[in-house]
Amino acid sequence: MTIKTSLVWFRRDLRAFDHAALHHALRQSQAVHCVFVYDTAILAALPRRDRRVDFIHASVAELADELRQLGGDLIVLHADAATAIPRLAAELNADAVFANHDYEPQAIARDAAVAAALTHEARLWFSFKDQVIFEKDEVLTLSAKPYTVYTPYKNAWLKKMRAEPACLAPYDIEPHAASLAPPRAGTPAALPTLGELGFEPSNLADLAIPTGMSGASALFEDFLPRVVRYDVARDFPALKGPSYLSMHLRFGTVSLRYLVRTVVDLMDRGGGDGAPVWLAELIWRDFYAMILYQNPHVEGGAFKPAYDAIAWETGPEADAAFAAWCEGRTGYPLVDAAMAQLNQTGYMHNRLRMVTACFLIKDLGIDWRRGEAYFALHLNDFDLASNNGGWQWASSSGCDAQPYFRIFNPITQSEKFDANGRFIRRYLPQLKALGDKEIHAPWLVPRMLLEQKNIVLGRDYPEPLVQHDEARKETLERYAVVKVVA
């Protein structure tokens, strides 16, 4: 089918290469316009200084430059996308709108509204898989049901990937770029500034976080020599172990297909034990996206509804404990350092996401949804499916979650994964004088020794909010209701 004029709507896919919707639009259309919308329905809930908006702003600018080099242009709007896209399609007299799938309930509802509005005006809506390798019903059990346990899902995913290598094939853009519509006459060339969008600069530049397609490429090139040790290095927050690509995966400045092709090639060439472990982390993203799509009730409710019967701590004391957790004042150094990392940079090491989540839920007895919402507000790489999946894993209410009686000990986690206190000292400099064995539990250090190091608990660093052993007993009692309900 040949389409005279089409519109490609960029969302969480901010790149001009290996892009499914753009590829299909260019191949099927005589003229292709491109648009990105700063969606007021999403931006309204964000703080005025938001690193994610800074990241998007820089990445959109790079995308616009790349499209111009290819002979096209990027229309940038600041509006409610649900009404702006049909309106722009009408203005351009576009016959069709192309986009890539989104799996979040609100995005699905938005896209359905856009598709309905386009259909009402006799325009077409096309949507394609792009941000995952396998989606929706593509990986099912032998009884044709969605998986709810990760390991068999991963095994089926890997089998399907090997059987269908085309799933990793890139969507070429440049050979079809002649179909890109040139910039429209009389339209402003300058992109909106942060100020015009209602935002102020964050500390993204100070943190030197790479943005856009070029930033993603640089990070991946830096990671490739390190991937062989990923299986070991990934658990230690003071080491340069991760790829740091999660923000780029979230906003699509990198092609997931390219990442998977590259790491699979490394595996096939005997690229060490780290490569399959990193691939497994990418598969977790597909798994959680599938879980959210198949079970939209997880947005706000437990995957296992029986866990909604748990009575969480509430009232002023719980609110004060939650505030202390948010601000890194729990008295447990690894937890507090991790929260400081999140608050200062918008990033948190994956091991520490598990530790801090477990502490909030099972040491403080606070509803996992409160922590999920805090992470959603502060994580640079916030993704509803992965964030929800991680929190429900920690709370034991999710699919393939840790058993409720498995409760991380924040002290032993600290001693094991930050043995010399290097990470703690970076984010809690007030404790830097403590020795490697002392720094994990300052309240156990003799008071006289603390005073010699000019540390007074309650002044320089807080006393622990709770005693872990006592909190563990209370958690087991709290979760006992689940066995009764189930």
Protein backbone atom coordinates (compact mmCIF):
# COMPACT_ATOMS: atom_id res chain seq x y z
CA MET A 1 0.00 0.00 0.00
CA THR A 2 1.34 3.42 -0.97
CA ILE A 3 0.42 6.38 1.24
CA LYS A 4 0.75 9.91 -0.03
CA THR A 5 1.52 11.68 3.26
CA SER A 6 2.18 10.21 6.69
CA LEU A 7 3.19 11.39 10.13
CA VAL A 8 5.62 9.54 12.42
CA TRP A 9 5.03 10.21 16.10
CA PHE A 10 8.18 9.81 18.21
CA ARG A 11 7.62 8.98 21.88
CA ARG A 12 10.01 6.77 23.88
CA ASP A 13 12.06 6.02 20.74
CA LEU A 14 14.22 9.12 20.30
CA ARG A 15 16.54 7.93 17.55
CA ALA A 16 16.74 8.17 13.76
CA PHE A 17 18.08 4.66 13.14
CA ASP A 18 16.71 1.13 13.52
CA HIS A 19 13.28 2.63 14.20
CA ALA A 20 10.32 0.43 13.31
CA ALA A 21 7.63 3.08 12.81
CA LEU A 22 9.91 5.41 10.85
CA HIS A 23 11.11 2.53 8.65
CA HIS A 24 7.59 1.40 7.77
CA ALA A 25 6.37 4.95 7.15
CA LEU A 26 9.28 5.72 4.83
CA ARG A 27 8.75 2.52 2.86
CA GLN A 28 5.01 3.03 2.44
CA SER A 29 4.74 6.81 2.02
CA GLN A 30 5.62 9.41 -0.55
CA ALA A 31 6.18 12.09 2.10
CA VAL A 32 6.88 11.51 5.80
CA HIS A 33 6.63 14.18 8.47
CA CYS A 34 8.00 13.59 11.97
CA VAL A 35 6.73 14.94 15.28
CA PHE A 36 7.57 14.87 18.96
CA VAL A 37 5.10 16.17 21.53
CA TYR A 38 6.05 17.44 24.96
CA ASP A 39 2.87 15.98 26.37
CA THR A 40 1.31 18.30 28.93
CA ALA A 41 -0.69 15.39 30.32
CA ILE A 42 2.61 13.81 31.42
CA LEU A 43 4.68 16.90 32.19
CA ALA A 44 2.13 18.48 34.51
CA ALA A 45 2.90 16.00 37.31
CA LEU A 46 6.69 16.47 37.20
CA PRO A 47 8.80 18.79 39.38
CA ARG A 48 10.01 21.95 37.67
CA ARG A 49 13.60 20.67 37.83
CA ASP A 50 13.52 17.20 36.36
CA ARG A 51 16.57 15.43 34.96
CA ARG A 52 14.37 13.36 32.63
CA VAL A 53 12.98 16.46 30.96
CA ASP A 54 16.54 17.77 30.54
CA PHE A 55 17.54 14.43 29.02
CA ILE A 56 14.58 14.40 26.65
CA HIS A 57 15.23 18.03 25.70
CA ALA A 58 18.83 17.31 24.70
CA SER A 59 17.92 14.05 22.99
CA VAL A 60 15.11 15.64 20.96
CA ALA A 61 17.54 18.32 19.79
CA GLU A 62 19.96 15.63 18.58
CA LEU A 63 17.12 13.72 16.92
CA ALA A 64 16.01 16.89 15.11
CA ASP A 65 19.55 17.50 13.86
CA GLU A 66 19.85 13.93 12.61
CA LEU A 67 16.53 14.08 10.76
CA ARG A 68 17.58 17.34 9.10
CA GLN A 69 20.84 15.73 7.96
CA LEU A 70 18.72 12.98 6.41
CA GLY A 71 16.70 15.62 4.56
CA GLY A 72 13.70 15.80 6.87
CA ASP A 73 12.58 17.74 9.89
CA LEU A 74 11.13 17.28 13.37
CA ILE A 75 7.99 19.15 14.34
CA VAL A 76 8.07 19.76 18.10
CA LEU A 77 4.86 20.60 19.95
CA HIS A 78 4.02 21.40 23.57
CA ALA A 79 0.45 20.22 23.96
CA ASP A 80 -1.88 17.42 24.98
CA ALA A 81 -0.74 14.67 22.61
CA ALA A 82 -4.14 12.96 22.49
CA THR A 83 -5.63 15.99 20.73
CA ALA A 84 -2.49 17.46 19.15
CA ILE A 85 -1.67 14.42 16.98
CA PRO A 86 -5.07 14.23 15.21
CA ARG A 87 -5.02 18.01 14.81
CA LEU A 88 -1.53 17.99 13.27
CA ALA A 89 -2.48 15.08 10.99
CA ALA A 90 -5.38 17.16 9.71
CA GLU A 91 -3.17 20.23 9.25
CA LEU A 92 -0.67 18.19 7.22
CA ASN A 93 -3.47 16.36 5.41
CA ALA A 94 -1.70 13.17 6.47
CA ASP A 95 -3.32 9.93 5.39
CA ALA A 96 -1.79 7.95 8.27
CA VAL A 97 0.02 8.24 11.59
CA PHE A 98 2.80 5.78 12.45
CA ALA A 99 4.06 5.11 15.98
CA ASN A 100 5.63 2.38 18.06
CA HIS A 101 3.72 0.37 20.67
CA ASP A 102 3.54 1.45 24.28
CA TYR A 103 2.43 -1.04 26.92
CA GLU A 104 1.45 1.17 29.85
CA PRO A 105 -2.31 1.35 30.55
CA GLN A 106 -2.54 5.14 30.24
CA ALA A 107 -0.52 5.13 27.02
CA ILE A 108 -2.69 2.36 25.58
CA ALA A 109 -5.79 4.42 26.37
CA ARG A 110 -4.22 7.54 24.84
CA ASP A 111 -3.26 5.70 21.67
CA ALA A 112 -6.74 4.21 21.39
CA ALA A 113 -8.21 7.72 21.63
CA VAL A 114 -5.82 9.00 18.96
CA ALA A 115 -6.60 6.06 16.68
CA ALA A 116 -10.35 6.62 17.11
CA ALA A 117 -10.01 10.33 16.31
CA LEU A 118 -7.98 9.53 13.19
CA THR A 119 -10.46 6.89 12.05
CA HIS A 120 -13.28 9.39 12.48
CA GLU A 121 -11.47 11.61 9.96
CA ALA A 122 -10.78 8.69 7.59
CA ARG A 123 -7.09 8.57 8.49
CA LEU A 124 -5.10 5.44 9.30
CA TRP A 125 -3.26 4.47 12.48
CA PHE A 126 -0.30 2.08 12.39
CA SER A 127 1.66 0.91 15.43
CA PHE A 128 4.69 -1.38 15.62
CA LYS A 129 6.77 -3.33 18.11
CA ASP A 130 10.03 -1.52 18.84
CA GLN A 131 10.98 -1.17 22.52
CA VAL A 132 11.02 -4.91 23.26
CA ILE A 133 12.13 -8.01 21.38
CA PHE A 134 9.01 -10.04 22.17
CA GLU A 135 5.71 -8.60 23.34
CA LYS A 136 2.16 -9.37 24.43
CA ASP A 137 1.37 -13.00 23.45
CA GLU A 138 4.57 -13.75 21.56
CA VAL A 139 6.14 -15.86 24.33
CA LEU A 140 3.63 -18.26 25.88
CA THR A 141 3.69 -21.47 27.87
CA LEU A 142 2.95 -24.83 26.26
CA SER A 143 -0.65 -24.34 27.39
CA ALA A 144 -0.75 -21.01 25.50
CA LYS A 145 -0.81 -18.88 28.65
CA PRO A 146 1.42 -15.96 29.64
CA TYR A 147 4.38 -16.82 31.83
CA THR A 148 4.39 -15.66 35.43
CA VAL A 149 7.81 -17.05 36.38
CA TYR A 150 10.92 -15.45 34.91
CA THR A 151 13.32 -18.38 34.38
CA PRO A 152 11.04 -20.51 32.13
CA TYR A 153 10.07 -17.27 30.35
CA LYS A 154 13.74 -16.49 29.76
CA ASN A 155 14.38 -20.00 28.42
CA ALA A 156 11.41 -19.76 26.04
CA TRP A 157 12.51 -16.23 25.04
CA LEU A 158 16.01 -17.44 24.19
CA LYS A 159 14.66 -20.42 22.24
CA LYS A 160 12.34 -18.19 20.22
CA MET A 161 15.10 -15.64 19.58
CA ARG A 162 17.38 -18.37 18.21
CA ALA A 163 14.58 -19.83 16.11
CA GLU A 164 13.54 -16.45 14.72
CA PRO A 165 16.74 -14.44 14.08
CA ALA A 166 14.74 -11.90 12.10
CA CYS A 167 13.45 -10.56 15.41
CA LEU A 168 16.85 -8.87 15.86
CA ALA A 169 17.12 -7.53 12.30
CA PRO A 170 17.55 -3.74 12.12
CA TYR A 171 14.98 -1.46 10.52
CA ASP A 172 17.03 0.50 7.99
CA ILE A 173 16.30 4.20 7.57
CA GLU A 174 18.89 5.82 5.31
CA PRO A 175 18.05 3.85 2.12
CA HIS A 176 14.51 5.23 2.34
CA ALA A 177 15.30 8.72 3.64
CA ALA A 178 14.31 10.36 0.35
CA SER A 179 10.70 10.03 1.51
CA LEU A 180 11.29 12.39 4.43
CA ALA A 181 9.35 15.62 3.99
CA PRO A 182 11.57 18.73 4.11
CA PRO A 183 10.97 21.45 6.72
CA ARG A 184 7.70 23.27 6.18
CA ALA A 185 7.97 26.85 5.00
CA GLY A 186 7.15 29.42 7.65
CA THR A 187 7.52 27.09 10.62
CA PRO A 188 9.89 28.04 13.47
CA ALA A 189 13.28 26.36 13.24
CA ALA A 190 14.14 26.76 16.91
CA LEU A 191 13.05 24.09 19.36
CA PRO A 192 11.26 25.19 22.53
CA THR A 193 13.54 26.01 25.44
CA LEU A 194 13.19 24.40 28.85
CA GLY A 195 11.82 27.69 30.12
CA GLU A 196 9.17 27.77 27.42
CA LEU A 197 8.16 24.28 28.49
CA GLY A 198 7.81 25.46 32.08
CA PHE A 199 10.97 23.81 33.42
CA GLU A 200 14.29 24.91 34.89
CA PRO A 201 17.66 23.26 34.26
CA SER A 202 18.42 20.34 36.58
CA ASN A 203 21.86 19.07 37.55
CA LEU A 204 21.98 16.69 34.57
CA ALA A 205 24.89 18.57 32.97
CA ASP A 206 26.82 18.69 36.25
CA LEU A 207 26.45 14.93 36.53
CA ALA A 208 27.85 14.57 32.99
CA ILE A 209 25.11 12.12 32.03
CA PRO A 210 25.47 11.44 28.27
CA THR A 211 22.32 12.24 26.30
CA GLY A 212 20.86 11.33 22.95
CA MET A 213 21.92 8.76 20.41
CA SER A 214 25.58 9.76 20.65
CA GLY A 215 25.53 9.43 24.43
CA ALA A 216 24.03 5.96 24.24
CA SER A 217 26.60 4.88 21.67
CA ALA A 218 29.49 6.15 23.82
CA LEU A 219 28.18 4.35 26.91
CA PHE A 220 27.78 1.07 25.06
CA GLU A 221 31.24 1.27 23.54
CA ASP A 222 32.62 1.88 27.02
CA PHE A 223 30.67 -1.08 28.43
CA LEU A 224 31.56 -3.68 25.81
CA PRO A 225 35.09 -4.38 27.15
CA ARG A 226 33.60 -4.68 30.64
CA VAL A 227 30.69 -6.98 29.83
CA VAL A 228 32.85 -10.08 30.30
CA ARG A 229 32.98 -9.31 34.06
CA TYR A 230 29.41 -8.10 34.37
CA ASP A 231 28.30 -11.24 36.22
CA VAL A 232 30.67 -10.37 39.09
CA ALA A 233 30.97 -6.59 38.97
CA ARG A 234 27.24 -5.84 38.69
CA ASP A 235 26.54 -6.46 42.39
CA PHE A 236 29.05 -4.00 43.83
CA PRO A 237 27.86 -0.37 43.80
CA ALA A 238 31.36 1.08 44.18
CA LEU A 239 32.53 -0.66 41.00
CA LYS A 240 31.96 0.44 37.43
CA GLY A 241 29.96 -2.67 36.68
CA PRO A 242 26.66 -1.74 34.95
CA SER A 243 26.23 -0.46 31.41
CA TYR A 244 24.46 2.72 32.63
CA LEU A 245 22.19 2.42 29.58
CA SER A 246 18.89 2.15 31.45
CA MET A 247 17.93 5.78 30.84
CA HIS A 248 18.72 5.38 27.16
CA LEU A 249 16.65 2.20 26.97
CA ARG A 250 13.80 4.04 28.67
CA PHE A 251 13.75 6.84 26.10
CA GLY A 252 14.84 4.80 23.10
CA THR A 253 18.03 6.65 22.21
CA VAL A 254 19.55 3.20 21.70
CA SER A 255 18.22 0.24 19.73
CA LEU A 256 17.44 -2.77 21.91
CA ARG A 257 17.78 -4.97 18.84
CA TYR A 258 21.34 -3.76 18.33
CA LEU A 259 22.24 -4.36 21.97
CA VAL A 260 20.88 -7.90 21.88
CA ARG A 261 22.50 -8.69 18.51
CA THR A 262 25.84 -7.50 19.83
CA VAL A 263 25.75 -9.37 23.12
CA VAL A 264 24.48 -12.58 21.45
CA ASP A 265 27.39 -12.35 19.03
CA LEU A 266 29.75 -12.01 22.00
CA MET A 267 28.19 -15.09 23.60
CA ASP A 268 28.56 -17.07 20.37
CA ARG A 269 32.24 -16.13 20.27
CA GLY A 270 32.79 -17.19 23.88
CA GLY A 271 32.60 -13.70 25.34
CA GLY A 272 32.87 -14.68 29.00
CA ASP A 273 30.32 -15.33 31.72
CA GLY A 274 29.14 -11.71 31.88
CA ALA A 275 27.46 -11.52 28.47
CA PRO A 276 24.61 -13.99 29.14
CA VAL A 277 23.99 -12.40 32.54
CA TRP A 278 23.59 -8.97 30.95
CA LEU A 279 21.34 -10.42 28.25
CA ALA A 280 19.21 -11.90 31.04
CA GLU A 281 18.80 -8.39 32.46
CA LEU A 282 17.52 -7.17 29.08
CA ILE A 283 15.09 -10.09 29.02
CA TRP A 284 13.75 -8.97 32.41
CA ARG A 285 12.61 -5.77 30.65
CA ASP A 286 10.59 -7.78 28.13
CA PHE A 287 9.21 -9.94 30.94
CA TYR A 288 7.96 -7.02 33.03
CA ALA A 289 6.52 -5.25 29.97
CA MET A 290 4.59 -8.44 29.19
CA ILE A 291 3.40 -8.76 32.80
CA LEU A 292 2.09 -5.17 32.79
CA TYR A 293 0.35 -5.63 29.45
CA GLN A 294 -1.27 -8.92 30.50
CA ASN A 295 -2.07 -7.76 34.05
CA PRO A 296 -2.85 -4.03 34.06
CA HIS A 297 -4.18 -4.36 37.62
CA VAL A 298 -0.57 -4.38 38.87
CA GLU A 299 -0.62 -0.62 38.43
CA GLY A 300 -1.87 0.14 41.90
CA GLY A 301 -2.57 -3.42 43.07
CA ALA A 302 -0.69 -6.57 43.93
CA PHE A 303 -0.06 -9.05 41.14
CA LYS A 304 -1.16 -11.65 43.68
CA PRO A 305 -4.36 -10.05 45.05
CA ALA A 306 -4.08 -11.92 48.35
CA TYR A 307 -1.21 -9.60 49.27
CA ASP A 308 -3.54 -6.61 49.20
CA ALA A 309 -4.86 -7.89 52.54
CA ILE A 310 -1.62 -6.93 54.32
CA ALA A 311 -2.07 -4.20 56.94
CA TRP A 312 0.77 -1.73 56.42
CA GLU A 313 1.99 0.74 59.00
CA THR A 314 0.10 4.04 58.83
CA GLY A 315 -0.21 7.24 60.85
CA PRO A 316 2.29 9.93 61.92
CA GLU A 317 5.02 7.50 62.97
CA ALA A 318 4.87 5.65 59.64
CA ASP A 319 4.90 8.98 57.79
CA ALA A 320 7.97 10.07 59.74
CA ALA A 321 9.70 6.76 59.00
CA PHE A 322 8.85 7.08 55.31
CA ALA A 323 10.27 10.61 55.24
CA ALA A 324 13.45 9.36 56.92
CA TRP A 325 13.76 6.62 54.29
CA CYS A 326 13.23 9.12 51.46
CA GLU A 327 15.83 11.49 52.87
CA GLY A 328 18.40 8.84 53.77
CA ARG A 329 18.04 9.13 57.55
CA THR A 330 17.30 5.52 58.53
CA GLY A 331 20.54 4.96 60.47
CA TYR A 332 21.54 2.10 58.16
CA PRO A 333 24.47 3.43 56.10
CA LEU A 334 24.01 1.34 52.94
CA VAL A 335 20.32 2.25 52.76
CA ASP A 336 21.02 5.93 53.42
CA ALA A 337 23.89 6.10 50.92
CA ALA A 338 21.69 4.51 48.27
CA MET A 339 18.90 7.03 48.88
CA ALA A 340 21.45 9.84 48.75
CA GLN A 341 22.63 8.53 45.39
CA LEU A 342 19.05 8.53 44.11
CA ASN A 343 18.23 11.99 45.44
CA GLN A 344 21.44 13.57 44.17
CA THR A 345 21.77 11.87 40.79
CA GLY A 346 18.48 10.18 39.84
CA TYR A 347 20.34 6.88 39.57
CA MET A 348 20.42 3.94 41.93
CA HIS A 349 22.45 0.78 41.54
CA ASN A 350 20.23 -2.26 40.94
CA ARG A 351 21.46 -4.17 44.00
CA LEU A 352 20.64 -1.13 46.11
CA ARG A 353 17.16 -0.84 44.61
CA MET A 354 16.46 -4.25 46.09
CA VAL A 355 18.06 -3.39 49.44
CA THR A 356 16.25 -0.07 49.90
CA ALA A 357 12.91 -1.48 48.75
CA CYS A 358 13.17 -4.45 51.10
CA PHE A 359 14.10 -2.15 53.98
CA LEU A 360 11.09 0.10 53.44
CA ILE A 361 8.68 -2.81 53.12
CA LYS A 362 10.03 -5.38 55.54
CA ASP A 363 11.97 -3.34 58.11
CA LEU A 364 9.66 -0.34 58.27
CA GLY A 365 6.44 -2.12 57.33
CA ILE A 366 5.43 0.56 54.82
CA ASP A 367 3.28 -0.09 51.76
CA TRP A 368 5.42 -0.85 48.73
CA ARG A 369 3.28 1.51 46.64
CA ARG A 370 4.67 4.51 48.54
CA GLY A 371 8.21 3.51 47.66
CA GLU A 372 7.23 2.73 44.09
CA ALA A 373 5.80 6.25 43.72
CA TYR A 374 8.93 7.82 45.19
CA PHE A 375 11.16 5.95 42.77
CA ALA A 376 8.81 6.89 39.92
CA LEU A 377 9.30 10.56 40.75
CA HIS A 378 13.07 10.45 41.15
CA LEU A 379 14.52 7.71 38.92
CA ASN A 380 16.02 8.98 35.68
CA ASP A 381 15.20 5.64 34.05
CA PHE A 382 11.70 5.31 35.50
CA ASP A 383 9.72 2.74 33.56
CA LEU A 384 6.34 1.73 34.94
CA ALA A 385 6.66 -1.96 34.09
CA SER A 386 10.17 -2.45 35.47
CA ASN A 387 9.69 -0.22 38.50
CA ASN A 388 6.44 -1.91 39.44
CA GLY A 389 7.93 -5.34 38.82
CA GLY A 390 10.92 -4.58 41.02
CA TRP A 391 8.84 -3.26 43.90
CA GLN A 392 6.40 -6.16 43.75
CA TRP A 393 9.36 -8.54 43.71
CA ALA A 394 10.66 -6.95 46.91
CA SER A 395 7.23 -6.99 48.55
CA SER A 396 6.71 -10.66 47.59
CA SER A 397 3.38 -9.68 46.00
CA GLY A 398 4.56 -9.91 42.39
CA CYS A 399 5.13 -12.65 39.87
CA ASP A 400 8.22 -14.73 40.61
CA ALA A 401 8.88 -12.58 43.68
CA GLN A 402 11.20 -13.40 46.54
CA PRO A 403 9.34 -15.35 49.27
CA TYR A 404 7.93 -13.12 52.00
CA PHE A 405 10.18 -14.77 54.60
CA ARG A 406 13.31 -13.86 52.64
CA ILE A 407 14.21 -10.54 54.17
CA PHE A 408 17.44 -8.75 53.28
CA ASN A 409 19.60 -7.90 56.27
CA PRO A 410 20.86 -4.39 55.48
CA ILE A 411 24.02 -4.92 57.52
CA THR A 412 25.09 -8.17 55.88
CA GLN A 413 24.20 -6.73 52.46
CA SER A 414 26.49 -3.82 53.24
CA GLU A 415 29.31 -6.04 54.49
CA LYS A 416 29.06 -8.28 51.42
CA PHE A 417 28.62 -5.75 48.61
CA ASP A 418 30.42 -2.69 49.99
CA ALA A 419 32.91 -4.41 52.26
CA ASN A 420 35.40 -1.55 52.43
CA GLY A 421 32.68 1.11 52.68
CA ARG A 422 33.81 2.87 49.53
CA PHE A 423 30.28 3.51 48.28
CA ILE A 424 29.04 4.53 51.73
CA ARG A 425 31.87 7.03 52.20
CA ARG A 426 31.11 8.64 48.84
CA TYR A 427 27.55 9.51 49.80
CA LEU A 428 27.88 9.70 53.60
CA PRO A 429 31.17 11.59 54.10
CA GLN A 430 30.30 12.16 57.77
CA LEU A 431 31.13 8.48 58.32
CA LYS A 432 34.40 8.42 56.39
CA ALA A 433 36.53 8.22 59.56
CA LEU A 434 35.00 4.87 60.53
CA GLY A 435 36.91 1.71 59.76
CA ASP A 436 35.89 -0.78 57.11
CA LYS A 437 34.23 -3.05 59.67
CA GLU A 438 32.66 -0.24 61.70
CA ILE A 439 31.01 1.69 58.91
CA HIS A 440 28.20 -0.80 58.26
CA ALA A 441 26.55 -0.39 61.70
CA PRO A 442 27.78 2.76 63.49
CA TRP A 443 25.50 2.22 66.49
CA LEU A 444 27.47 -0.90 67.38
CA VAL A 445 30.72 1.07 67.60
CA PRO A 446 31.69 1.97 71.19
CA ARG A 447 30.62 5.53 71.98
CA MET A 448 34.11 6.48 73.11
CA LEU A 449 35.56 5.39 69.78
CA LEU A 450 32.90 7.35 67.91
CA GLU A 451 33.73 10.47 69.92
CA GLN A 452 37.42 10.02 69.11
CA LYS A 453 36.42 10.17 65.46
CA ASN A 454 34.20 13.21 66.11
CA ILE A 455 30.99 11.31 65.35
CA VAL A 456 27.98 11.67 67.61
CA LEU A 457 24.96 9.56 66.75
CA GLY A 458 21.85 11.69 66.64
CA ARG A 459 23.94 14.71 65.66
CA ASP A 460 26.22 13.64 62.81
CA TYR A 461 24.36 10.52 61.83
CA PRO A 462 21.02 9.13 63.03
CA GLU A 463 20.41 6.24 65.36
CA PRO A 464 18.76 3.30 63.52
CA LEU A 465 15.02 3.71 63.04
CA VAL A 466 14.42 0.05 63.86
CA GLN A 467 16.31 -3.02 64.99
CA HIS A 468 16.39 -5.40 62.06
CA ASP A 469 15.84 -8.60 64.04
CA GLU A 470 12.76 -7.17 65.75
CA ALA A 471 11.43 -5.74 62.47
CA ARG A 472 11.87 -9.11 60.81
CA LYS A 473 9.65 -10.80 63.40
CA GLU A 474 6.97 -8.14 62.92
CA THR A 475 7.11 -8.61 59.15
CA LEU A 476 6.59 -12.36 59.42
CA GLU A 477 3.54 -11.69 61.57
CA ARG A 478 2.26 -9.06 59.14
CA TYR A 479 2.58 -11.41 56.18
CA ALA A 480 0.87 -14.28 58.03
CA VAL A 481 -2.48 -12.96 56.85
CA VAL A 482 -1.49 -13.81 53.27
CA LYS A 483 -1.34 -17.53 54.06
CA VAL A 484 -4.81 -17.32 55.58
CA VAL A 485 -6.34 -15.39 52.66
CA ALA A 486 -4.56 -17.45 50.01
